[in-house]
Amino acid sequence: MSFPPARVHEALDTPFPLTDLERGGFEADGFIHLRNVLDPSAVATCGARITRLALALDPNRQVPLAQRDTYGQAFIQVVNLWLRSHVVRDFVFGRRLARIAAELLGVKGVRLWHDQALYKEPGGGITPWHTDQYYWPLATDRCVTAWVPLQDTPIQMGPLSFAAGSHRLTAGRDLPIGDASERALDAAVRHAACPVVQEPFAAGDVSFHLGWTAHRAGPNATTTPRGVMTIIYMDAEMRLAPPANPNQEADWKAFCPDVEPGAVIDAPMTPVIWSRHALQDVGCRT
């Protein structure tokens, strides 16, 4: 059942109360799984549009699952759907999640870095251990991914696993997602005795993890696609770092080509989504 637009906006914009315990736990562990953050009906309404776009734009749709490499078997990945649909834009620009991100990061406001739809097909393989910030030319660690499942996601469907405290490790930070990162980060997490946390998600739950937090996901052993929308936020004052690898170079050219290293990442595709100074919010509805 779909929500009327006004109800969707309310669900996406109303503040969500965070406790000091939750903020402290996030800083200690590098991630947090928050329950009942979004109304499941609002998630379903926006998720239906996200699903149609993601599946239509899937770059691997002509390649059988068995013929793909580990990365290709992990998920369908489509970036910046907010540019293609006003419904998805409303979801990505929602102030509720953006405010949570800012409060968890301890910053005055957050910009959008980009969004990603991640669909793990039935029979899809593991998502290897990796860190997101390997891909991002960002000058500090004040960036976070909101991971929003678009349906109930039991363990059999492959929800994220997080290595608590792994945002302080340096091993594996120089590896893209793949077989090598799976081996290296698994060894690093075990050596550091980081507890690995994997939990089922209900529709409406949202997790947040720092850019350097090691995470992975199991295979999708069900007959239903695991639909997920992610939103990557960064400190509104984040500066562009000189790219450290070709993937960071590619992200620079894709998201903020006119920003020079050392400058604040203030670009048309990286608007402020939420800040304490609401009238200055480029991306927010008034």
Protein backbone atom coordinates (compact mmCIF):
# COMPACT_ATOMS: atom_id res chain seq x y z
CA MET A 1 0.00 0.00 0.00
CA SER A 2 1.48 3.34 -1.03
CA PHE A 3 1.64 6.46 1.12
CA PRO A 4 0.33 9.80 -0.13
CA PRO A 5 3.24 12.19 -0.89
CA ALA A 6 2.68 14.32 2.21
CA ARG A 7 2.91 11.26 4.46
CA VAL A 8 6.10 10.11 2.72
CA HIS A 9 7.72 13.52 3.21
CA GLU A 10 6.72 13.52 6.86
CA ALA A 11 8.19 10.05 7.38
CA LEU A 12 11.44 11.03 5.66
CA ASP A 13 11.87 14.43 7.33
CA THR A 14 10.68 14.13 10.95
CA PRO A 15 13.65 14.04 13.40
CA PHE A 16 14.58 10.69 14.93
CA PRO A 17 15.71 10.89 18.58
CA LEU A 18 19.21 9.50 19.18
CA THR A 19 20.45 8.71 22.67
CA ASP A 20 23.90 9.45 24.07
CA LEU A 21 24.38 5.68 24.39
CA GLU A 22 23.72 5.23 20.67
CA ARG A 23 26.07 8.03 19.68
CA GLY A 24 28.78 6.66 21.95
CA GLY A 25 28.29 3.13 20.69
CA PHE A 26 28.64 4.28 17.10
CA GLU A 27 31.90 6.09 17.81
CA ALA A 28 33.28 3.06 19.67
CA ASP A 29 32.18 0.39 17.19
CA GLY A 30 32.19 2.31 13.90
CA PHE A 31 28.61 1.23 13.12
CA ILE A 32 25.12 1.07 14.57
CA HIS A 33 21.94 -0.80 13.67
CA LEU A 34 18.92 1.36 14.51
CA ARG A 35 15.47 -0.18 14.57
CA ASN A 36 12.17 1.35 13.45
CA VAL A 37 13.83 4.41 11.92
CA LEU A 38 11.53 4.66 8.88
CA ASP A 39 7.89 3.82 8.40
CA PRO A 40 7.81 0.53 6.44
CA SER A 41 5.02 1.86 4.22
CA ALA A 42 7.13 4.85 3.22
CA VAL A 43 10.06 2.51 2.53
CA ALA A 44 7.83 0.32 0.36
CA THR A 45 6.49 3.31 -1.57
CA CYS A 46 9.96 4.68 -2.38
CA GLY A 47 11.46 1.21 -2.68
CA ALA A 48 9.14 0.24 -5.51
CA ARG A 49 10.50 3.08 -7.65
CA ILE A 50 14.10 2.37 -6.61
CA THR A 51 13.65 -1.29 -7.58
CA ARG A 52 12.26 -0.53 -11.03
CA LEU A 53 15.11 1.86 -11.81
CA ALA A 54 17.86 -0.35 -10.39
CA LEU A 55 16.79 -3.43 -12.31
CA ALA A 56 16.29 -1.47 -15.54
CA LEU A 57 19.75 0.10 -15.25
CA ASP A 58 21.60 -3.03 -14.04
CA PRO A 59 24.89 -3.05 -16.00
CA ASN A 60 25.18 -6.85 -15.67
CA ARG A 61 21.63 -7.80 -16.65
CA GLN A 62 22.82 -9.52 -19.85
CA VAL A 63 25.50 -11.58 -18.06
CA PRO A 64 24.41 -14.80 -16.27
CA LEU A 65 25.20 -14.79 -12.56
CA ALA A 66 27.50 -17.83 -12.83
CA GLN A 67 29.69 -16.07 -15.41
CA ARG A 68 30.48 -13.05 -13.23
CA ASP A 69 33.44 -12.59 -10.88
CA THR A 70 33.05 -12.38 -7.08
CA TYR A 71 32.22 -8.67 -7.20
CA GLY A 72 29.69 -9.13 -9.98
CA GLN A 73 27.97 -11.97 -8.12
CA ALA A 74 27.72 -9.93 -4.93
CA PHE A 75 25.09 -7.43 -6.06
CA ILE A 76 23.57 -5.25 -8.74
CA GLN A 77 24.97 -1.75 -8.20
CA VAL A 78 23.48 1.47 -9.60
CA VAL A 79 24.72 4.89 -8.48
CA ASN A 80 22.92 8.23 -8.05
CA LEU A 81 19.36 7.20 -8.75
CA TRP A 82 18.31 10.53 -7.20
CA LEU A 83 19.14 12.15 -10.52
CA ARG A 84 16.58 9.98 -12.33
CA SER A 85 13.44 10.18 -10.18
CA HIS A 86 11.81 12.78 -7.96
CA VAL A 87 10.58 9.95 -5.73
CA VAL A 88 14.12 8.68 -5.21
CA ARG A 89 15.36 12.26 -4.78
CA ASP A 90 12.88 12.77 -1.94
CA PHE A 91 14.16 9.57 -0.32
CA VAL A 92 17.84 10.48 -0.67
CA PHE A 93 17.29 14.07 0.45
CA GLY A 94 15.23 13.10 3.48
CA ARG A 95 16.29 15.07 6.54
CA ARG A 96 15.54 12.27 9.03
CA LEU A 97 18.45 10.06 7.95
CA ALA A 98 20.73 13.00 7.19
CA ARG A 99 20.28 14.42 10.67
CA ILE A 100 21.06 11.02 12.22
CA ALA A 101 24.22 10.90 10.10
CA ALA A 102 25.32 14.36 11.25
CA GLU A 103 24.68 13.57 14.89
CA LEU A 104 26.54 10.26 14.71
CA LEU A 105 29.50 11.96 13.00
CA GLY A 106 29.43 14.84 15.47
CA VAL A 107 29.38 17.47 12.72
CA LYS A 108 27.22 20.54 12.11
CA GLY A 109 25.86 19.31 8.80
CA VAL A 110 26.22 16.69 6.09
CA ARG A 111 26.50 16.71 2.33
CA LEU A 112 25.55 13.97 -0.05
CA TRP A 113 28.50 12.09 -1.53
CA HIS A 114 26.32 9.77 -3.59
CA ASP A 115 23.65 7.09 -3.33
CA GLN A 116 23.81 3.46 -4.41
CA ALA A 117 21.12 0.85 -4.97
CA LEU A 118 22.52 -2.59 -4.11
CA TYR A 119 20.46 -5.63 -5.10
CA LYS A 120 21.64 -9.11 -4.16
CA GLU A 121 19.93 -11.46 -6.60
CA PRO A 122 18.52 -14.85 -5.54
CA GLY A 123 21.56 -17.12 -5.45
CA GLY A 124 23.87 -14.09 -5.33
CA GLY A 125 27.22 -14.65 -3.65
CA ILE A 126 28.98 -13.05 -0.73
CA THR A 127 29.89 -9.39 -0.53
CA PRO A 128 33.58 -9.63 0.44
CA TRP A 129 35.07 -7.86 3.43
CA HIS A 130 35.93 -4.29 2.41
CA THR A 131 36.01 -0.66 3.51
CA ASP A 132 34.04 1.95 1.59
CA GLN A 133 36.47 4.82 2.04
CA TYR A 134 39.07 3.08 -0.09
CA TYR A 135 36.99 4.43 -3.00
CA TRP A 136 36.51 7.99 -1.77
CA PRO A 137 39.01 10.90 -2.02
CA LEU A 138 37.94 12.42 1.30
CA ALA A 139 40.30 14.23 3.64
CA THR A 140 38.90 12.92 6.96
CA ASP A 141 36.98 9.95 8.31
CA ARG A 142 33.80 11.99 8.89
CA CYS A 143 31.74 10.10 6.33
CA VAL A 144 29.09 7.45 6.82
CA THR A 145 26.94 5.06 4.82
CA ALA A 146 23.27 4.63 5.65
CA TRP A 147 22.24 1.09 4.65
CA VAL A 148 18.45 0.89 4.17
CA PRO A 149 16.93 -2.52 3.35
CA LEU A 150 13.76 -2.22 1.29
CA GLN A 151 12.17 -5.34 2.79
CA ASP A 152 12.61 -7.59 5.81
CA THR A 153 16.12 -9.02 5.46
CA PRO A 154 16.73 -12.24 7.39
CA ILE A 155 20.20 -13.75 7.73
CA GLN A 156 19.49 -16.07 4.78
CA MET A 157 19.11 -13.02 2.52
CA GLY A 158 22.57 -11.59 3.29
CA PRO A 159 22.35 -8.55 5.59
CA LEU A 160 25.56 -6.72 6.44
CA SER A 161 28.05 -8.01 8.98
CA PHE A 162 30.23 -5.44 10.75
CA ALA A 163 33.58 -5.84 12.51
CA ALA A 164 33.22 -3.75 15.66
CA GLY A 165 36.14 -1.36 16.15
CA SER A 166 37.64 -2.14 12.73
CA HIS A 167 37.53 1.55 11.74
CA ARG A 168 40.73 1.88 13.76
CA LEU A 169 42.59 -0.79 11.77
CA THR A 170 44.82 0.10 8.84
CA ALA A 171 45.23 -3.37 7.31
CA GLY A 172 43.28 -3.82 4.10
CA ARG A 173 42.60 -0.14 3.52
CA ASP A 174 44.55 -0.23 0.27
CA LEU A 175 42.42 -2.99 -1.32
CA PRO A 176 39.33 -2.74 -3.51
CA ILE A 177 36.44 -5.08 -2.80
CA GLY A 178 37.16 -8.59 -4.03
CA ASP A 179 38.83 -11.87 -3.15
CA ALA A 180 42.00 -10.18 -1.88
CA SER A 181 40.09 -7.84 0.46
CA GLU A 182 38.06 -10.78 1.76
CA ARG A 183 41.22 -12.64 2.74
CA ALA A 184 43.19 -9.67 4.09
CA LEU A 185 40.42 -8.12 6.14
CA ASP A 186 39.22 -11.45 7.48
CA ALA A 187 42.74 -12.05 8.78
CA ALA A 188 43.02 -8.51 10.17
CA VAL A 189 39.65 -8.70 11.93
CA ARG A 190 40.55 -12.05 13.46
CA HIS A 191 44.02 -10.86 14.54
CA ALA A 192 42.57 -7.76 16.20
CA ALA A 193 39.77 -9.83 17.82
CA CYS A 194 37.11 -7.47 16.49
CA PRO A 195 33.66 -8.88 17.29
CA VAL A 196 31.71 -9.59 14.09
CA VAL A 197 28.06 -8.59 14.34
CA GLN A 198 25.44 -9.88 11.91
CA GLU A 199 21.76 -9.34 12.59
CA PRO A 200 18.52 -9.62 10.61
CA PHE A 201 16.91 -6.34 9.56
CA ALA A 202 13.22 -5.50 9.53
CA ALA A 203 11.82 -3.12 6.95
CA GLY A 204 12.27 0.32 8.52
CA ASP A 205 15.58 -0.55 10.21
CA VAL A 206 18.66 1.37 9.09
CA SER A 207 22.34 0.83 9.82
CA PHE A 208 25.08 3.45 9.65
CA HIS A 209 28.78 2.63 9.29
CA LEU A 210 31.89 4.76 9.01
CA GLY A 211 33.89 4.81 5.79
CA TRP A 212 36.74 2.78 7.31
CA THR A 213 34.58 0.19 9.10
CA ALA A 214 35.16 -3.29 7.68
CA HIS A 215 31.94 -5.00 6.61
CA ARG A 216 30.73 -7.85 4.42
CA ALA A 217 27.51 -9.72 3.62
CA GLY A 218 26.63 -13.35 3.18
CA PRO A 219 24.99 -14.87 0.09
CA ASN A 220 21.30 -14.55 -0.71
CA ALA A 221 20.05 -18.08 -0.17
CA THR A 222 16.41 -17.13 -0.73
CA THR A 223 14.32 -16.84 -3.89
CA THR A 224 13.70 -13.11 -3.32
CA PRO A 225 16.06 -10.28 -4.33
CA ARG A 226 17.61 -8.44 -1.40
CA GLY A 227 16.89 -4.80 -2.21
CA VAL A 228 18.92 -2.14 -0.41
CA MET A 229 19.28 1.61 -0.87
CA THR A 230 22.38 3.27 0.51
CA ILE A 231 23.09 6.95 1.05
CA ILE A 232 26.62 8.15 1.68
CA TYR A 233 26.93 11.31 3.72
CA MET A 234 30.02 13.38 4.52
CA ASP A 235 30.79 16.32 6.77
CA ALA A 236 29.45 19.47 5.09
CA GLU A 237 32.97 20.92 5.45
CA MET A 238 34.68 17.87 3.94
CA ARG A 239 37.65 18.70 1.71
CA LEU A 240 38.78 16.79 -1.33
CA ALA A 241 41.92 14.72 -0.77
CA PRO A 242 44.37 14.05 -3.59
CA PRO A 243 43.19 10.73 -5.07
CA ALA A 244 45.18 7.79 -3.71
CA ASN A 245 44.13 5.22 -6.32
CA PRO A 246 42.34 5.01 -9.68
CA ASN A 247 38.97 4.39 -8.02
CA GLN A 248 39.25 7.62 -6.04
CA GLU A 249 40.26 9.41 -9.23
CA ALA A 250 37.12 8.06 -10.91
CA ASP A 251 34.87 9.20 -8.06
CA TRP A 252 36.42 12.67 -8.14
CA LYS A 253 35.70 12.99 -11.87
CA ALA A 254 32.20 11.56 -11.49
CA PHE A 255 30.92 13.57 -8.51
CA CYS A 256 32.91 16.80 -8.20
CA PRO A 257 35.21 17.33 -11.20
CA ASP A 258 35.42 21.10 -10.69
CA VAL A 259 36.61 20.85 -7.08
CA GLU A 260 40.37 21.01 -6.58
CA PRO A 261 42.19 18.91 -3.93
CA GLY A 262 42.20 20.79 -0.65
CA ALA A 263 38.93 22.60 -1.32
CA VAL A 264 35.55 21.95 0.34
CA ILE A 265 33.57 19.48 -1.79
CA ASP A 266 30.86 22.00 -2.67
CA ALA A 267 29.50 20.86 -6.04
CA PRO A 268 26.12 20.51 -7.76
CA MET A 269 26.07 16.76 -7.08
CA THR A 270 27.16 17.09 -3.43
CA PRO A 271 24.55 19.39 -1.84
CA VAL A 272 24.07 19.90 1.87
CA ILE A 273 21.18 17.67 2.94
CA TRP A 274 20.91 18.75 6.57
CA SER A 275 22.60 21.30 8.78
CA ARG A 276 21.90 23.14 11.99
CA HIS A 277 21.46 26.26 9.90
CA ALA A 278 18.37 25.13 7.99
CA LEU A 279 18.09 28.21 5.80
CA GLN A 280 21.50 27.41 4.31
CA ASP A 281 20.57 23.85 3.35
CA VAL A 282 20.92 23.61 -0.40
CA GLY A 283 19.19 20.27 -0.71
CA CYS A 284 16.46 20.51 1.93
CA ARG A 285 12.80 21.25 1.40
CA THR A 286 11.65 24.33 3.32
